[in-house]
Amino acid sequence: MSDIITLTEAAAYQIKDMMKEHGEEGAFLRVGVKGGGCSGLSYGMGFDHEKNDGDHEFTQHGITILVDKESAPILKGTKIDYKQSLMGGGFTIDNPNAIAQCGCGSSFRTATNAGTPEEC
């Protein structure tokens, strides 16, 4: 499987800055999906120091990214960016597999995986 997600330069810069700030320079970036949120599935992104069996591993902009095998098909083609505005900054996730998402943008569902929605 080719790279599952695309990390923009702006997102990579922010992630590297966060790694340095939190003393996580040697960590991997783990991106995944879990059940929950208003629409049934939620994104997860954080630092990890261990690879798991079945993880997909790839490197973009000097960051090694891990995606677990269950999340990989749901995230295929996803683009992670970082946007700065007058109100602050934040990561944006553009997932072509999402057919519906809640207003916050962190919860979604796909045509094949609805997850288990929670109250907003």
N, C-alpha and C. Protein backbone atom coordinates (compact mmCIF):
# COMPACT_ATOMS: atom_id res chain seq x y z
N MET A 1 0.86 -1.18 0.00
CA MET A 1 0.00 0.00 0.00
C MET A 1 0.90 1.23 0.00
N SER A 2 0.65 2.19 -0.87
CA SER A 2 1.43 3.42 -0.90
C SER A 2 1.10 4.25 0.34
N ASP A 3 1.68 5.43 0.44
CA ASP A 3 1.39 6.27 1.59
C ASP A 3 -0.11 6.44 1.74
N ILE A 4 -0.60 6.18 2.92
CA ILE A 4 -2.04 6.21 3.18
C ILE A 4 -2.53 7.64 3.32
N ILE A 5 -1.72 8.47 3.97
CA ILE A 5 -2.08 9.87 4.14
C ILE A 5 -0.99 10.75 3.56
N THR A 6 -1.34 11.99 3.30
CA THR A 6 -0.39 12.99 2.85
C THR A 6 -0.31 14.06 3.92
N LEU A 7 0.89 14.33 4.36
CA LEU A 7 1.16 15.36 5.35
C LEU A 7 1.72 16.56 4.62
N THR A 8 1.08 17.72 4.75
CA THR A 8 1.60 18.91 4.09
C THR A 8 2.84 19.42 4.82
N GLU A 9 3.60 20.29 4.16
CA GLU A 9 4.77 20.87 4.79
C GLU A 9 4.39 21.67 6.03
N ALA A 10 3.28 22.39 5.96
CA ALA A 10 2.84 23.19 7.11
C ALA A 10 2.51 22.29 8.30
N ALA A 11 1.85 21.17 8.06
CA ALA A 11 1.53 20.23 9.13
C ALA A 11 2.81 19.60 9.69
N ALA A 12 3.73 19.23 8.81
CA ALA A 12 4.98 18.62 9.25
C ALA A 12 5.79 19.60 10.10
N TYR A 13 5.83 20.85 9.70
CA TYR A 13 6.55 21.87 10.47
C TYR A 13 5.95 21.99 11.88
N GLN A 14 4.64 22.03 11.97
CA GLN A 14 3.97 22.15 13.26
C GLN A 14 4.21 20.90 14.12
N ILE A 15 4.15 19.73 13.51
CA ILE A 15 4.37 18.48 14.24
C ILE A 15 5.80 18.43 14.77
N LYS A 16 6.78 18.80 13.95
CA LYS A 16 8.17 18.82 14.40
C LYS A 16 8.36 19.79 15.56
N ASP A 17 7.69 20.94 15.47
CA ASP A 17 7.76 21.93 16.54
C ASP A 17 7.16 21.37 17.84
N MET A 18 6.04 20.66 17.73
CA MET A 18 5.41 20.06 18.89
C MET A 18 6.28 18.94 19.47
N MET A 19 6.92 18.16 18.61
CA MET A 19 7.81 17.10 19.06
C MET A 19 8.96 17.69 19.89
N LYS A 20 9.53 18.77 19.38
CA LYS A 20 10.63 19.43 20.08
C LYS A 20 10.15 19.99 21.41
N GLU A 21 9.03 20.67 21.39
CA GLU A 21 8.47 21.30 22.60
C GLU A 21 8.20 20.28 23.71
N HIS A 22 7.77 19.07 23.33
CA HIS A 22 7.40 18.05 24.31
C HIS A 22 8.48 16.98 24.49
N GLY A 23 9.68 17.20 23.93
CA GLY A 23 10.77 16.24 24.08
C GLY A 23 10.50 14.91 23.40
N GLU A 24 9.83 14.94 22.26
CA GLU A 24 9.44 13.72 21.54
C GLU A 24 10.13 13.61 20.18
N GLU A 25 11.34 14.19 20.05
CA GLU A 25 12.01 14.21 18.74
C GLU A 25 12.20 12.83 18.11
N GLY A 26 12.38 11.78 18.89
CA GLY A 26 12.59 10.45 18.34
C GLY A 26 11.32 9.65 18.13
N ALA A 27 10.19 10.26 18.38
CA ALA A 27 8.91 9.53 18.32
C ALA A 27 8.39 9.41 16.89
N PHE A 28 7.46 8.48 16.73
CA PHE A 28 6.71 8.34 15.48
C PHE A 28 5.42 9.15 15.63
N LEU A 29 4.84 9.55 14.50
CA LEU A 29 3.51 10.15 14.50
C LEU A 29 2.52 9.04 14.21
N ARG A 30 1.65 8.74 15.15
CA ARG A 30 0.64 7.71 14.93
C ARG A 30 -0.69 8.40 14.58
N VAL A 31 -1.26 7.99 13.45
CA VAL A 31 -2.54 8.51 13.00
C VAL A 31 -3.49 7.34 12.88
N GLY A 32 -4.70 7.49 13.43
CA GLY A 32 -5.64 6.39 13.39
C GLY A 32 -7.08 6.86 13.52
N VAL A 33 -7.95 5.88 13.57
CA VAL A 33 -9.39 6.11 13.67
C VAL A 33 -9.91 5.23 14.79
N LYS A 34 -10.84 5.75 15.56
CA LYS A 34 -11.49 4.95 16.60
C LYS A 34 -12.98 5.24 16.58
N GLY A 35 -13.76 4.36 17.15
CA GLY A 35 -15.20 4.55 17.24
C GLY A 35 -15.53 5.66 18.21
N GLY A 36 -16.58 6.41 17.91
CA GLY A 36 -17.03 7.47 18.80
C GLY A 36 -17.24 8.77 18.05
N GLY A 37 -17.54 9.81 18.78
CA GLY A 37 -17.80 11.11 18.19
C GLY A 37 -19.24 11.20 17.70
N CYS A 38 -19.65 12.37 17.30
CA CYS A 38 -21.03 12.62 16.88
C CYS A 38 -21.46 11.77 15.69
N SER A 39 -20.52 11.53 14.77
CA SER A 39 -20.86 10.82 13.53
C SER A 39 -20.46 9.36 13.52
N GLY A 40 -19.80 8.88 14.58
CA GLY A 40 -19.49 7.46 14.66
C GLY A 40 -18.03 7.09 14.67
N LEU A 41 -17.17 7.87 14.01
CA LEU A 41 -15.74 7.62 13.99
C LEU A 41 -15.01 8.92 14.33
N SER A 42 -13.87 8.81 15.01
CA SER A 42 -13.07 9.98 15.35
C SER A 42 -11.62 9.74 14.96
N TYR A 43 -10.95 10.83 14.57
CA TYR A 43 -9.54 10.77 14.24
C TYR A 43 -8.71 10.81 15.52
N GLY A 44 -7.57 10.16 15.47
CA GLY A 44 -6.61 10.23 16.56
C GLY A 44 -5.24 10.49 15.98
N MET A 45 -4.48 11.34 16.65
CA MET A 45 -3.15 11.66 16.18
C MET A 45 -2.30 11.95 17.42
N GLY A 46 -1.15 11.29 17.52
CA GLY A 46 -0.29 11.50 18.67
C GLY A 46 1.08 10.89 18.45
N PHE A 47 1.93 11.04 19.45
CA PHE A 47 3.29 10.52 19.36
C PHE A 47 3.34 9.13 19.97
N ASP A 48 4.14 8.26 19.36
CA ASP A 48 4.29 6.89 19.82
C ASP A 48 5.75 6.50 19.68
N HIS A 49 6.22 5.66 20.58
CA HIS A 49 7.61 5.21 20.53
C HIS A 49 7.73 3.75 20.11
N GLU A 50 6.61 3.09 19.88
CA GLU A 50 6.63 1.68 19.50
C GLU A 50 5.78 1.43 18.27
N LYS A 51 6.29 0.54 17.42
CA LYS A 51 5.52 0.07 16.26
C LYS A 51 4.78 -1.19 16.67
N ASN A 52 3.61 -1.38 16.11
CA ASN A 52 2.82 -2.59 16.36
C ASN A 52 2.82 -3.47 15.12
N ASP A 53 2.63 -4.78 15.31
CA ASP A 53 2.50 -5.68 14.17
C ASP A 53 1.36 -5.20 13.29
N GLY A 54 1.60 -5.15 12.02
CA GLY A 54 0.56 -4.74 11.07
C GLY A 54 0.52 -3.25 10.79
N ASP A 55 1.31 -2.46 11.51
CA ASP A 55 1.34 -1.02 11.24
C ASP A 55 1.88 -0.76 9.83
N HIS A 56 1.29 0.21 9.17
CA HIS A 56 1.84 0.72 7.91
C HIS A 56 2.77 1.86 8.31
N GLU A 57 3.97 1.86 7.76
CA GLU A 57 4.97 2.86 8.12
C GLU A 57 5.47 3.56 6.86
N PHE A 58 5.52 4.87 6.90
CA PHE A 58 6.07 5.65 5.80
C PHE A 58 6.58 6.98 6.35
N THR A 59 7.45 7.63 5.60
CA THR A 59 8.06 8.88 6.05
C THR A 59 7.73 10.00 5.07
N GLN A 60 7.33 11.14 5.63
CA GLN A 60 7.07 12.34 4.83
C GLN A 60 7.65 13.53 5.57
N HIS A 61 8.38 14.37 4.87
CA HIS A 61 8.97 15.60 5.43
C HIS A 61 9.77 15.31 6.69
N GLY A 62 10.44 14.15 6.73
CA GLY A 62 11.28 13.80 7.87
C GLY A 62 10.52 13.25 9.07
N ILE A 63 9.24 13.00 8.94
CA ILE A 63 8.43 12.45 10.03
C ILE A 63 8.01 11.04 9.65
N THR A 64 8.29 10.07 10.53
CA THR A 64 7.84 8.70 10.30
C THR A 64 6.43 8.56 10.85
N ILE A 65 5.53 8.14 9.97
CA ILE A 65 4.10 8.05 10.29
C ILE A 65 3.71 6.58 10.39
N LEU A 66 2.95 6.25 11.42
CA LEU A 66 2.41 4.90 11.61
C LEU A 66 0.90 4.95 11.53
N VAL A 67 0.31 4.00 10.78
CA VAL A 67 -1.14 3.85 10.69
C VAL A 67 -1.45 2.38 10.92
N ASP A 68 -2.33 2.07 11.88
CA ASP A 68 -2.67 0.67 12.14
C ASP A 68 -3.48 0.09 10.99
N LYS A 69 -3.45 -1.24 10.89
CA LYS A 69 -4.07 -1.90 9.73
C LYS A 69 -5.58 -1.70 9.66
N GLU A 70 -6.26 -1.51 10.80
CA GLU A 70 -7.71 -1.28 10.77
C GLU A 70 -8.05 0.12 10.26
N SER A 71 -7.21 1.09 10.59
CA SER A 71 -7.45 2.48 10.17
C SER A 71 -7.05 2.74 8.73
N ALA A 72 -6.10 1.96 8.22
CA ALA A 72 -5.53 2.23 6.89
C ALA A 72 -6.57 2.38 5.78
N PRO A 73 -7.52 1.44 5.61
CA PRO A 73 -8.47 1.63 4.51
C PRO A 73 -9.40 2.82 4.70
N ILE A 74 -9.68 3.17 5.94
CA ILE A 74 -10.56 4.31 6.23
C ILE A 74 -9.84 5.62 5.95
N LEU A 75 -8.53 5.65 6.15
CA LEU A 75 -7.74 6.88 5.98
C LEU A 75 -7.10 7.02 4.60
N LYS A 76 -7.19 6.01 3.75
CA LYS A 76 -6.54 6.03 2.43
C LYS A 76 -6.92 7.29 1.67
N GLY A 77 -5.91 8.06 1.27
CA GLY A 77 -6.13 9.28 0.50
C GLY A 77 -6.32 10.54 1.34
N THR A 78 -6.22 10.42 2.66
CA THR A 78 -6.44 11.55 3.57
C THR A 78 -5.27 12.53 3.53
N LYS A 79 -5.59 13.82 3.61
CA LYS A 79 -4.59 14.88 3.63
C LYS A 79 -4.69 15.60 4.97
N ILE A 80 -3.54 15.72 5.66
CA ILE A 80 -3.49 16.44 6.92
C ILE A 80 -2.71 17.73 6.69
N ASP A 81 -3.33 18.84 7.05
CA ASP A 81 -2.72 20.16 6.86
C ASP A 81 -2.78 20.91 8.19
N TYR A 82 -2.07 22.02 8.26
CA TYR A 82 -2.14 22.90 9.42
C TYR A 82 -2.45 24.29 8.91
N LYS A 83 -3.49 24.89 9.46
CA LYS A 83 -3.92 26.22 9.03
C LYS A 83 -3.77 27.19 10.19
N GLN A 84 -3.24 28.36 9.90
CA GLN A 84 -3.09 29.42 10.90
C GLN A 84 -4.09 30.53 10.57
N SER A 85 -4.76 31.05 11.59
CA SER A 85 -5.69 32.16 11.38
C SER A 85 -5.55 33.14 12.53
N LEU A 86 -6.30 34.22 12.49
CA LEU A 86 -6.27 35.21 13.56
C LEU A 86 -6.72 34.63 14.89
N MET A 87 -7.53 33.59 14.85
CA MET A 87 -8.05 32.96 16.06
C MET A 87 -7.14 31.83 16.56
N GLY A 88 -6.01 31.63 15.91
CA GLY A 88 -5.10 30.56 16.29
C GLY A 88 -4.92 29.59 15.14
N GLY A 89 -4.35 28.45 15.43
CA GLY A 89 -4.11 27.48 14.37
C GLY A 89 -4.66 26.13 14.75
N GLY A 90 -4.72 25.27 13.76
CA GLY A 90 -5.19 23.92 14.02
C GLY A 90 -4.98 23.02 12.81
N PHE A 91 -4.99 21.73 13.09
CA PHE A 91 -4.86 20.75 12.02
C PHE A 91 -6.20 20.57 11.32
N THR A 92 -6.15 20.38 10.01
CA THR A 92 -7.34 20.06 9.24
C THR A 92 -7.12 18.70 8.60
N ILE A 93 -8.18 17.92 8.54
CA ILE A 93 -8.10 16.58 7.96
C ILE A 93 -9.13 16.49 6.84
N ASP A 94 -8.63 16.21 5.64
CA ASP A 94 -9.49 16.06 4.47
C ASP A 94 -9.46 14.60 4.07
N ASN A 95 -10.54 13.89 4.39
CA ASN A 95 -10.64 12.45 4.12
C ASN A 95 -11.66 12.22 3.01
N PRO A 96 -11.21 11.76 1.83
CA PRO A 96 -12.13 11.55 0.73
C PRO A 96 -13.11 10.40 0.98
N ASN A 97 -12.87 9.58 1.98
CA ASN A 97 -13.75 8.45 2.29
C ASN A 97 -14.90 8.84 3.21
N ALA A 98 -14.81 10.02 3.83
CA ALA A 98 -15.87 10.46 4.74
C ALA A 98 -17.07 10.93 3.93
N ILE A 99 -18.24 10.38 4.25
CA ILE A 99 -19.46 10.79 3.55
C ILE A 99 -20.28 11.74 4.40
N ALA A 100 -19.99 11.81 5.70
CA ALA A 100 -20.66 12.74 6.61
C ALA A 100 -19.73 13.03 7.76
N GLN A 101 -19.77 14.26 8.25
CA GLN A 101 -18.98 14.60 9.43
C GLN A 101 -19.73 15.64 10.24
N CYS A 102 -19.39 15.71 11.52
CA CYS A 102 -20.05 16.68 12.38
C CYS A 102 -19.41 18.05 12.17
N GLY A 103 -19.98 19.05 12.78
CA GLY A 103 -19.53 20.42 12.60
C GLY A 103 -18.11 20.67 13.04
N CYS A 104 -17.63 19.93 14.03
CA CYS A 104 -16.27 20.15 14.53
C CYS A 104 -15.22 19.59 13.57
N GLY A 105 -15.61 18.68 12.68
CA GLY A 105 -14.68 18.12 11.70
C GLY A 105 -13.83 16.98 12.20
N SER A 106 -13.98 16.61 13.48
CA SER A 106 -13.15 15.52 14.00
C SER A 106 -13.90 14.21 14.07
N SER A 107 -15.18 14.21 13.78
CA SER A 107 -15.97 12.99 13.80
C SER A 107 -16.61 12.82 12.42
N PHE A 108 -16.65 11.57 11.94
CA PHE A 108 -17.12 11.32 10.58
C PHE A 108 -17.61 9.89 10.45
N ARG A 109 -18.16 9.57 9.29
CA ARG A 109 -18.47 8.18 8.94
C ARG A 109 -18.18 8.00 7.47
N THR A 110 -17.96 6.72 7.09
CA THR A 110 -17.71 6.39 5.69
C THR A 110 -18.87 5.56 5.18
N ALA A 111 -18.87 5.27 3.89
CA ALA A 111 -19.95 4.47 3.31
C ALA A 111 -19.94 3.05 3.87
N THR A 112 -18.77 2.55 4.26
CA THR A 112 -18.67 1.17 4.74
C THR A 112 -18.48 1.05 6.24
N ASN A 113 -18.28 2.17 6.94
CA ASN A 113 -18.04 2.09 8.38
C ASN A 113 -18.69 3.29 9.06
N ALA A 114 -19.80 3.05 9.75
CA ALA A 114 -20.51 4.12 10.42
C ALA A 114 -20.03 4.33 11.85
N GLY A 115 -19.36 3.33 12.44
CA GLY A 115 -18.92 3.47 13.82
C GLY A 115 -20.11 3.52 14.77
N THR A 116 -19.89 3.95 15.99
CA THR A 116 -20.94 4.06 16.98
C THR A 116 -21.01 5.51 17.45
N PRO A 117 -22.01 6.27 16.99
CA PRO A 117 -22.09 7.68 17.38
C PRO A 117 -22.32 7.86 18.87
N GLU A 118 -21.79 8.96 19.39
CA GLU A 118 -22.01 9.39 20.76
C GLU A 118 -22.77 10.70 20.71
N GLU A 119 -23.30 11.13 21.85
CA GLU A 119 -23.96 12.42 21.90
C GLU A 119 -22.93 13.53 21.76
N CYS A 120 -23.31 14.59 21.06
CA CYS A 120 -22.41 15.74 20.90
C CYS A 120 -22.50 16.66 22.08
